[in-house]
Amino acid sequence: MALDSAKKKEIISKFAQSENDTGSPAVQIALLSERISYLTDHLKEHKKDHSSRLGLLKLVGQRKRLLNYLKKKDYDKYSQVIKELGIRG
C-alpha cells in the first residue's frame, strides 16, 4: 500500500529544505523510512509474504545508499535526519 497523500505531505513538509522540495535526500529517506515501517508491520502479521519481504529489502538498500550519499555531502543534515527518524546510521 502506498502512503496516503496527507501523510506524504506531512513528511515532505517536515524534511523539505524549501517550499517546493520533494526530491532532496532527506525527504526521500523519510518517505522510504515510512514505507519500511509499514512493510515491517505487515510482515509481522503475514510471515509468508515473500514478495513483500523482497520489496522491503530493496527499500532498505535504497535508503542505505541515500544515507551514505547524504553522509558524504552534508554530515550535519545526515545526523539530523537519523536523529529525527530514530534509525541507525
PDB file of N, CA and C in Angstrom:
ATOM      1  N   MET A   1       0.835  -1.183   0.000  1.00  0.00           N
ATOM      2  CA  MET A   1       0.000   0.000   0.000  1.00  0.00           C
ATOM      3  C   MET A   1       0.877   1.242   0.000  1.00  0.00           C
ATOM      4  N   ALA A   2       0.545   2.181  -0.823  1.00  0.00           N
ATOM      5  CA  ALA A   2       1.285   3.433  -0.888  1.00  0.00           C
ATOM      6  C   ALA A   2       0.846   4.355   0.255  1.00  0.00           C
ATOM      7  N   LEU A   3       1.681   5.326   0.526  1.00  0.00           N
ATOM      8  CA  LEU A   3       1.343   6.299   1.564  1.00  0.00           C
ATOM      9  C   LEU A   3       0.178   7.164   1.104  1.00  0.00           C
ATOM     10  N   ASP A   4      -0.718   7.487   2.015  1.00  0.00           N
ATOM     11  CA  ASP A   4      -1.788   8.406   1.641  1.00  0.00           C
ATOM     12  C   ASP A   4      -1.210   9.815   1.502  1.00  0.00           C
ATOM     13  N   SER A   5      -1.861  10.638   0.698  1.00  0.00           N
ATOM     14  CA  SER A   5      -1.289  11.930   0.332  1.00  0.00           C
ATOM     15  C   SER A   5      -1.131  12.867   1.523  1.00  0.00           C
ATOM     16  N   ALA A   6      -2.013  12.783   2.501  1.00  0.00           N
ATOM     17  CA  ALA A   6      -1.897  13.663   3.667  1.00  0.00           C
ATOM     18  C   ALA A   6      -0.637  13.332   4.471  1.00  0.00           C
ATOM     19  N   LYS A   7      -0.389  12.046   4.679  1.00  0.00           N
ATOM     20  CA  LYS A   7       0.799  11.620   5.423  1.00  0.00           C
ATOM     21  C   LYS A   7       2.062  11.982   4.644  1.00  0.00           C
ATOM     22  N   LYS A   8       2.007  11.813   3.333  1.00  0.00           N
ATOM     23  CA  LYS A   8       3.152  12.117   2.488  1.00  0.00           C
ATOM     24  C   LYS A   8       3.480  13.608   2.530  1.00  0.00           C
ATOM     25  N   LYS A   9       2.450  14.467   2.445  1.00  0.00           N
ATOM     26  CA  LYS A   9       2.670  15.916   2.511  1.00  0.00           C
ATOM     27  C   LYS A   9       3.233  16.328   3.859  1.00  0.00           C
ATOM     28  N   GLU A  10       2.771  15.683   4.921  1.00  0.00           N
ATOM     29  CA  GLU A  10       3.275  15.984   6.260  1.00  0.00           C
ATOM     30  C   GLU A  10       4.762  15.657   6.368  1.00  0.00           C
ATOM     31  N   ILE A  11       5.166  14.503   5.845  1.00  0.00           N
ATOM     32  CA  ILE A  11       6.570  14.104   5.888  1.00  0.00           C
ATOM     33  C   ILE A  11       7.417  15.043   5.033  1.00  0.00           C
ATOM     34  N   ILE A  12       6.913  15.372   3.842  1.00  0.00           N
ATOM     35  CA  ILE A  12       7.661  16.260   2.949  1.00  0.00           C
ATOM     36  C   ILE A  12       7.841  17.630   3.579  1.00  0.00           C
ATOM     37  N   SER A  13       6.786  18.161   4.194  1.00  0.00           N
ATOM     38  CA  SER A  13       6.909  19.496   4.798  1.00  0.00           C
ATOM     39  C   SER A  13       7.858  19.499   5.991  1.00  0.00           C
ATOM     40  N   LYS A  14       7.957  18.378   6.678  1.00  0.00           N
ATOM     41  CA  LYS A  14       8.838  18.299   7.844  1.00  0.00           C
ATOM     42  C   LYS A  14      10.313  18.267   7.440  1.00  0.00           C
ATOM     43  N   PHE A  15      10.637  17.582   6.335  1.00  0.00           N
ATOM     44  CA  PHE A  15      12.037  17.394   5.961  1.00  0.00           C
ATOM     45  C   PHE A  15      12.488  18.233   4.777  1.00  0.00           C
ATOM     46  N   ALA A  16      11.585  18.979   4.142  1.00  0.00           N
ATOM     47  CA  ALA A  16      11.935  19.751   2.952  1.00  0.00           C
ATOM     48  C   ALA A  16      12.832  20.925   3.314  1.00  0.00           C
ATOM     49  N   GLN A  17      13.732  21.250   2.397  1.00  0.00           N
ATOM     50  CA  GLN A  17      14.620  22.386   2.602  1.00  0.00           C
ATOM     51  C   GLN A  17      13.991  23.680   2.120  1.00  0.00           C
ATOM     52  N   SER A  18      13.113  23.582   1.128  1.00  0.00           N
ATOM     53  CA  SER A  18      12.400  24.746   0.633  1.00  0.00           C
ATOM     54  C   SER A  18      10.950  24.346   0.392  1.00  0.00           C
ATOM     55  N   GLU A  19      10.152  25.276  -0.083  1.00  0.00           N
ATOM     56  CA  GLU A  19       8.721  25.039  -0.249  1.00  0.00           C
ATOM     57  C   GLU A  19       8.416  23.945  -1.278  1.00  0.00           C
ATOM     58  N   ASN A  20       9.150  23.947  -2.397  1.00  0.00           N
ATOM     59  CA  ASN A  20       8.878  23.001  -3.472  1.00  0.00           C
ATOM     60  C   ASN A  20       9.811  21.789  -3.460  1.00  0.00           C
ATOM     61  N   ASP A  21      10.498  21.556  -2.374  1.00  0.00           N
ATOM     62  CA  ASP A  21      11.469  20.475  -2.284  1.00  0.00           C
ATOM     63  C   ASP A  21      10.758  19.151  -2.019  1.00  0.00           C
ATOM     64  N   THR A  22      10.794  18.252  -3.002  1.00  0.00           N
ATOM     65  CA  THR A  22      10.216  16.921  -2.806  1.00  0.00           C
ATOM     66  C   THR A  22      11.214  15.824  -3.105  1.00  0.00           C
ATOM     67  N   GLY A  23      12.398  16.163  -3.589  1.00  0.00           N
ATOM     68  CA  GLY A  23      13.331  15.134  -4.022  1.00  0.00           C
ATOM     69  C   GLY A  23      14.677  15.153  -3.343  1.00  0.00           C
ATOM     70  N   SER A  24      14.865  15.986  -2.338  1.00  0.00           N
ATOM     71  CA  SER A  24      16.157  16.008  -1.660  1.00  0.00           C
ATOM     72  C   SER A  24      16.362  14.687  -0.921  1.00  0.00           C
ATOM     73  N   PRO A  25      17.603  14.308  -0.663  1.00  0.00           N
ATOM     74  CA  PRO A  25      17.862  13.033   0.001  1.00  0.00           C
ATOM     75  C   PRO A  25      17.158  12.897   1.350  1.00  0.00           C
ATOM     76  N   ALA A  26      17.053  13.972   2.105  1.00  0.00           N
ATOM     77  CA  ALA A  26      16.401  13.895   3.413  1.00  0.00           C
ATOM     78  C   ALA A  26      14.927  13.534   3.275  1.00  0.00           C
ATOM     79  N   VAL A  27      14.256  14.118   2.296  1.00  0.00           N
ATOM     80  CA  VAL A  27      12.838  13.822   2.062  1.00  0.00           C
ATOM     81  C   VAL A  27      12.676  12.384   1.592  1.00  0.00           C
ATOM     82  N   GLN A  28      13.539  11.960   0.664  1.00  0.00           N
ATOM     83  CA  GLN A  28      13.457  10.592   0.157  1.00  0.00           C
ATOM     84  C   GLN A  28      13.697   9.578   1.262  1.00  0.00           C
ATOM     85  N   ILE A  29      14.656   9.846   2.145  1.00  0.00           N
ATOM     86  CA  ILE A  29      14.954   8.935   3.250  1.00  0.00           C
ATOM     87  C   ILE A  29      13.764   8.856   4.198  1.00  0.00           C
ATOM     88  N   ALA A  30      13.135   9.981   4.479  1.00  0.00           N
ATOM     89  CA  ALA A  30      11.981   9.992   5.377  1.00  0.00           C
ATOM     90  C   ALA A  30      10.808   9.211   4.784  1.00  0.00           C
ATOM     91  N   LEU A  31      10.545   9.388   3.495  1.00  0.00           N
ATOM     92  CA  LEU A  31       9.455   8.656   2.850  1.00  0.00           C
ATOM     93  C   LEU A  31       9.743   7.159   2.802  1.00  0.00           C
ATOM     94  N   LEU A  32      10.985   6.805   2.506  1.00  0.00           N
ATOM     95  CA  LEU A  32      11.356   5.389   2.500  1.00  0.00           C
ATOM     96  C   LEU A  32      11.228   4.783   3.889  1.00  0.00           C
ATOM     97  N   SER A  33      11.600   5.538   4.907  1.00  0.00           N
ATOM     98  CA  SER A  33      11.503   5.028   6.276  1.00  0.00           C
ATOM     99  C   SER A  33      10.063   4.747   6.660  1.00  0.00           C
ATOM    100  N   GLU A  34       9.156   5.592   6.207  1.00  0.00           N
ATOM    101  CA  GLU A  34       7.734   5.371   6.494  1.00  0.00           C
ATOM    102  C   GLU A  34       7.234   4.100   5.803  1.00  0.00           C
ATOM    103  N   ARG A  35       7.624   3.912   4.545  1.00  0.00           N
ATOM    104  CA  ARG A  35       7.220   2.704   3.823  1.00  0.00           C
ATOM    105  C   ARG A  35       7.847   1.460   4.450  1.00  0.00           C
ATOM    106  N   ILE A  36       9.084   1.575   4.909  1.00  0.00           N
ATOM    107  CA  ILE A  36       9.760   0.444   5.544  1.00  0.00           C
ATOM    108  C   ILE A  36       9.046   0.057   6.830  1.00  0.00           C
ATOM    109  N   SER A  37       8.647   1.035   7.625  1.00  0.00           N
ATOM    110  CA  SER A  37       7.951   0.712   8.879  1.00  0.00           C
ATOM    111  C   SER A  37       6.592   0.073   8.598  1.00  0.00           C
ATOM    112  N   TYR A  38       5.904   0.533   7.536  1.00  0.00           N
ATOM    113  CA  TYR A  38       4.625  -0.078   7.182  1.00  0.00           C
ATOM    114  C   TYR A  38       4.829  -1.537   6.761  1.00  0.00           C
ATOM    115  N   LEU A  39       5.821  -1.770   5.906  1.00  0.00           N
ATOM    116  CA  LEU A  39       6.059  -3.134   5.443  1.00  0.00           C
ATOM    117  C   LEU A  39       6.527  -4.045   6.574  1.00  0.00           C
ATOM    118  N   THR A  40       7.284  -3.512   7.506  1.00  0.00           N
ATOM    119  CA  THR A  40       7.726  -4.308   8.649  1.00  0.00           C
ATOM    120  C   THR A  40       6.538  -4.769   9.470  1.00  0.00           C
ATOM    121  N   ASP A  41       5.592  -3.869   9.724  1.00  0.00           N
ATOM    122  CA  ASP A  41       4.385  -4.249  10.454  1.00  0.00           C
ATOM    123  C   ASP A  41       3.566  -5.266   9.670  1.00  0.00           C
ATOM    124  N   HIS A  42       3.492  -5.082   8.364  1.00  0.00           N
ATOM    125  CA  HIS A  42       2.744  -6.013   7.513  1.00  0.00           C
ATOM    126  C   HIS A  42       3.351  -7.412   7.582  1.00  0.00           C
ATOM    127  N   LEU A  43       4.680  -7.469   7.554  1.00  0.00           N
ATOM    128  CA  LEU A  43       5.341  -8.776   7.537  1.00  0.00           C
ATOM    129  C   LEU A  43       5.298  -9.472   8.891  1.00  0.00           C
ATOM    130  N   LYS A  44       5.102  -8.722   9.958  1.00  0.00           N
ATOM    131  CA  LYS A  44       4.923  -9.367  11.262  1.00  0.00           C
ATOM    132  C   LYS A  44       3.631 -10.166  11.290  1.00  0.00           C
ATOM    133  N   GLU A  45       2.627  -9.681  10.577  1.00  0.00           N
ATOM    134  CA  GLU A  45       1.338 -10.367  10.538  1.00  0.00           C
ATOM    135  C   GLU A  45       1.307 -11.444   9.455  1.00  0.00           C
ATOM    136  N   HIS A  46       1.905 -11.150   8.298  1.00  0.00           N
ATOM    137  CA  HIS A  46       1.876 -12.073   7.164  1.00  0.00           C
ATOM    138  C   HIS A  46       3.286 -12.616   6.932  1.00  0.00           C
ATOM    139  N   LYS A  47       3.654 -13.620   7.672  1.00  0.00           N
ATOM    140  CA  LYS A  47       5.026 -14.118   7.674  1.00  0.00           C
ATOM    141  C   LYS A  47       5.447 -14.763   6.354  1.00  0.00           C
ATOM    142  N   LYS A  48       4.508 -15.267   5.576  1.00  0.00           N
ATOM    143  CA  LYS A  48       4.860 -15.975   4.343  1.00  0.00           C
ATOM    144  C   LYS A  48       4.773 -15.109   3.089  1.00  0.00           C
ATOM    145  N   ASP A  49       4.651 -13.818   3.249  1.00  0.00           N
ATOM    146  CA  ASP A  49       4.567 -12.897   2.122  1.00  0.00           C
ATOM    147  C   ASP A  49       5.986 -12.572   1.647  1.00  0.00           C
ATOM    148  N   HIS A  50       6.539 -13.463   0.834  1.00  0.00           N
ATOM    149  CA  HIS A  50       7.939 -13.320   0.449  1.00  0.00           C
ATOM    150  C   HIS A  50       8.165 -12.212  -0.577  1.00  0.00           C
ATOM    151  N   SER A  51       7.190 -11.916  -1.403  1.00  0.00           N
ATOM    152  CA  SER A  51       7.385 -10.849  -2.382  1.00  0.00           C
ATOM    153  C   SER A  51       7.470  -9.484  -1.686  1.00  0.00           C
ATOM    154  N   SER A  52       6.678  -9.301  -0.649  1.00  0.00           N
ATOM    155  CA  SER A  52       6.778  -8.052   0.113  1.00  0.00           C
ATOM    156  C   SER A  52       8.097  -7.981   0.870  1.00  0.00           C
ATOM    157  N   ARG A  53       8.596  -9.130   1.306  1.00  0.00           N
ATOM    158  CA  ARG A  53       9.885  -9.158   2.001  1.00  0.00           C
ATOM    159  C   ARG A  53      11.006  -8.728   1.067  1.00  0.00           C
ATOM    160  N   LEU A  54      10.948  -9.183  -0.192  1.00  0.00           N
ATOM    161  CA  LEU A  54      11.960  -8.760  -1.162  1.00  0.00           C
ATOM    162  C   LEU A  54      11.852  -7.264  -1.440  1.00  0.00           C
ATOM    163  N   GLY A  55      10.629  -6.757  -1.537  1.00  0.00           N
ATOM    164  CA  GLY A  55      10.445  -5.321  -1.718  1.00  0.00           C
ATOM    165  C   GLY A  55      10.995  -4.530  -0.550  1.00  0.00           C
ATOM    166  N   LEU A  56      10.803  -5.059   0.656  1.00  0.00           N
ATOM    167  CA  LEU A  56      11.335  -4.400   1.852  1.00  0.00           C
ATOM    168  C   LEU A  56      12.855  -4.343   1.799  1.00  0.00           C
ATOM    169  N   LEU A  57      13.490  -5.436   1.398  1.00  0.00           N
ATOM    170  CA  LEU A  57      14.948  -5.444   1.303  1.00  0.00           C
ATOM    171  C   LEU A  57      15.448  -4.435   0.273  1.00  0.00           C
ATOM    172  N   LYS A  58      14.720  -4.280  -0.833  1.00  0.00           N
ATOM    173  CA  LYS A  58      15.109  -3.280  -1.829  1.00  0.00           C
ATOM    174  C   LYS A  58      14.995  -1.869  -1.263  1.00  0.00           C
ATOM    175  N   LEU A  59      13.919  -1.614  -0.517  1.00  0.00           N
ATOM    176  CA  LEU A  59      13.732  -0.290   0.077  1.00  0.00           C
ATOM    177  C   LEU A  59      14.827   0.015   1.094  1.00  0.00           C
ATOM    178  N   VAL A  60      15.188  -0.978   1.896  1.00  0.00           N
ATOM    179  CA  VAL A  60      16.240  -0.778   2.894  1.00  0.00           C
ATOM    180  C   VAL A  60      17.569  -0.476   2.207  1.00  0.00           C
ATOM    181  N   GLY A  61      17.869  -1.187   1.114  1.00  0.00           N
ATOM    182  CA  GLY A  61      19.100  -0.930   0.368  1.00  0.00           C
ATOM    183  C   GLY A  61      19.116   0.459  -0.247  1.00  0.00           C
ATOM    184  N   GLN A  62      17.981   0.874  -0.779  1.00  0.00           N
ATOM    185  CA  GLN A  62      17.888   2.212  -1.375  1.00  0.00           C
ATOM    186  C   GLN A  62      18.075   3.282  -0.314  1.00  0.00           C
ATOM    187  N   ARG A  63      17.460   3.086   0.863  1.00  0.00           N
ATOM    188  CA  ARG A  63      17.615   4.062   1.946  1.00  0.00           C
ATOM    189  C   ARG A  63      19.062   4.116   2.411  1.00  0.00           C
ATOM    190  N   LYS A  64      19.720   2.965   2.459  1.00  0.00           N
ATOM    191  CA  LYS A  64      21.111   2.928   2.882  1.00  0.00           C
ATOM    192  C   LYS A  64      22.012   3.693   1.910  1.00  0.00           C
ATOM    193  N   ARG A  65      21.751   3.523   0.612  1.00  0.00           N
ATOM    194  CA  ARG A  65      22.535   4.264  -0.378  1.00  0.00           C
ATOM    195  C   ARG A  65      22.311   5.773  -0.248  1.00  0.00           C
ATOM    196  N   LEU A  66      21.063   6.173  -0.037  1.00  0.00           N
ATOM    197  CA  LEU A  66      20.780   7.602   0.137  1.00  0.00           C
ATOM    198  C   LEU A  66      21.425   8.145   1.410  1.00  0.00           C
ATOM    199  N   LEU A  67      21.418   7.344   2.476  1.00  0.00           N
ATOM    200  CA  LEU A  67      22.066   7.779   3.716  1.00  0.00           C
ATOM    201  C   LEU A  67      23.574   7.950   3.513  1.00  0.00           C
ATOM    202  N   ASN A  68      24.203   7.030   2.789  1.00  0.00           N
ATOM    203  CA  ASN A  68      25.640   7.156   2.518  1.00  0.00           C
ATOM    204  C   ASN A  68      25.930   8.404   1.704  1.00  0.00           C
ATOM    205  N   TYR A  69      25.074   8.691   0.711  1.00  0.00           N
ATOM    206  CA  TYR A  69      25.243   9.886  -0.106  1.00  0.00           C
ATOM    207  C   TYR A  69      25.116  11.147   0.750  1.00  0.00           C
ATOM    208  N   LEU A  70      24.085  11.183   1.586  1.00  0.00           N
ATOM    209  CA  LEU A  70      23.871  12.358   2.428  1.00  0.00           C
ATOM    210  C   LEU A  70      24.999  12.526   3.436  1.00  0.00           C
ATOM    211  N   LYS A  71      25.526  11.425   3.916  1.00  0.00           N
ATOM    212  CA  LYS A  71      26.636  11.469   4.869  1.00  0.00           C
ATOM    213  C   LYS A  71      27.870  12.107   4.239  1.00  0.00           C
ATOM    214  N   LYS A  72      28.111  11.784   2.959  1.00  0.00           N
ATOM    215  CA  LYS A  72      29.264  12.362   2.261  1.00  0.00           C
ATOM    216  C   LYS A  72      29.055  13.832   1.926  1.00  0.00           C
ATOM    217  N   LYS A  73      27.827  14.197   1.527  1.00  0.00           N
ATOM    218  CA  LYS A  73      27.569  15.556   1.057  1.00  0.00           C
ATOM    219  C   LYS A  73      27.323  16.558   2.188  1.00  0.00           C
ATOM    220  N   ASP A  74      26.534  16.164   3.194  1.00  0.00           N
ATOM    221  CA  ASP A  74      26.138  17.106   4.247  1.00  0.00           C
ATOM    222  C   ASP A  74      25.968  16.331   5.561  1.00  0.00           C
ATOM    223  N   TYR A  75      27.068  16.231   6.313  1.00  0.00           N
ATOM    224  CA  TYR A  75      27.047  15.400   7.517  1.00  0.00           C
ATOM    225  C   TYR A  75      26.083  15.938   8.579  1.00  0.00           C
ATOM    226  N   ASP A  76      25.946  17.254   8.681  1.00  0.00           N
ATOM    227  CA  ASP A  76      25.035  17.825   9.676  1.00  0.00           C
ATOM    228  C   ASP A  76      23.591  17.439   9.385  1.00  0.00           C
ATOM    229  N   LYS A  77      23.193  17.522   8.125  1.00  0.00           N
ATOM    230  CA  LYS A  77      21.834  17.131   7.729  1.00  0.00           C
ATOM    231  C   LYS A  77      21.633  15.630   7.953  1.00  0.00           C
ATOM    232  N   TYR A  78      22.668  14.848   7.654  1.00  0.00           N
ATOM    233  CA  TYR A  78      22.622  13.399   7.865  1.00  0.00           C
ATOM    234  C   TYR A  78      22.353  13.070   9.326  1.00  0.00           C
ATOM    235  N   SER A  79      23.105  13.682  10.225  1.00  0.00           N
ATOM    236  CA  SER A  79      22.924  13.390  11.642  1.00  0.00           C
ATOM    237  C   SER A  79      21.567  13.874  12.140  1.00  0.00           C
ATOM    238  N   GLN A  80      21.066  14.971  11.595  1.00  0.00           N
ATOM    239  CA  GLN A  80      19.746  15.471  11.969  1.00  0.00           C
ATOM    240  C   GLN A  80      18.645  14.497  11.525  1.00  0.00           C
ATOM    241  N   VAL A  81      18.773  13.988  10.294  1.00  0.00           N
ATOM    242  CA  VAL A  81      17.759  13.079   9.741  1.00  0.00           C
ATOM    243  C   VAL A  81      17.717  11.771  10.525  1.00  0.00           C
ATOM    244  N   ILE A  82      18.876  11.169  10.804  1.00  0.00           N
ATOM    245  CA  ILE A  82      18.848   9.886  11.526  1.00  0.00           C
ATOM    246  C   ILE A  82      18.383  10.066  12.956  1.00  0.00           C
ATOM    247  N   LYS A  83      18.635  11.236  13.521  1.00  0.00           N
ATOM    248  CA  LYS A  83      18.148  11.504  14.881  1.00  0.00           C
ATOM    249  C   LYS A  83      16.621  11.647  14.898  1.00  0.00           C
ATOM    250  N   GLU A  84      16.081  12.385  13.927  1.00  0.00           N
ATOM    251  CA  GLU A  84      14.628  12.587  13.881  1.00  0.00           C
ATOM    252  C   GLU A  84      13.873  11.310  13.530  1.00  0.00           C
ATOM    253  N   LEU A  85      14.466  10.481  12.664  1.00  0.00           N
ATOM    254  CA  LEU A  85      13.776   9.264  12.254  1.00  0.00           C
ATOM    255  C   LEU A  85      14.010   8.110  13.231  1.00  0.00           C
ATOM    256  N   GLY A  86      15.030   8.246  14.059  1.00  0.00           N
ATOM    257  CA  GLY A  86      15.321   7.186  15.025  1.00  0.00           C
ATOM    258  C   GLY A  86      15.896   5.938  14.383  1.00  0.00           C
ATOM    259  N   ILE A  87      16.745   6.127  13.370  1.00  0.00           N
ATOM    260  CA  ILE A  87      17.378   4.980  12.714  1.00  0.00           C
ATOM    261  C   ILE A  87      18.866   5.006  12.980  1.00  0.00           C
ATOM    262  N   ARG A  88      19.487   3.852  12.800  1.00  0.00           N
ATOM    263  CA  ARG A  88      20.928   3.784  12.972  1.00  0.00           C
ATOM    264  C   ARG A  88      21.610   4.292  11.711  1.00  0.00           C
ATOM    265  N   GLY A  89      22.739   4.925  11.862  1.00  0.00           N
ATOM    266  CA  GLY A  89      23.422   5.488  10.714  1.00  0.00           C
ATOM    267  C   GLY A  89      24.545   4.688  10.208  1.00  0.00           C
TER     268      GLY A  89
END
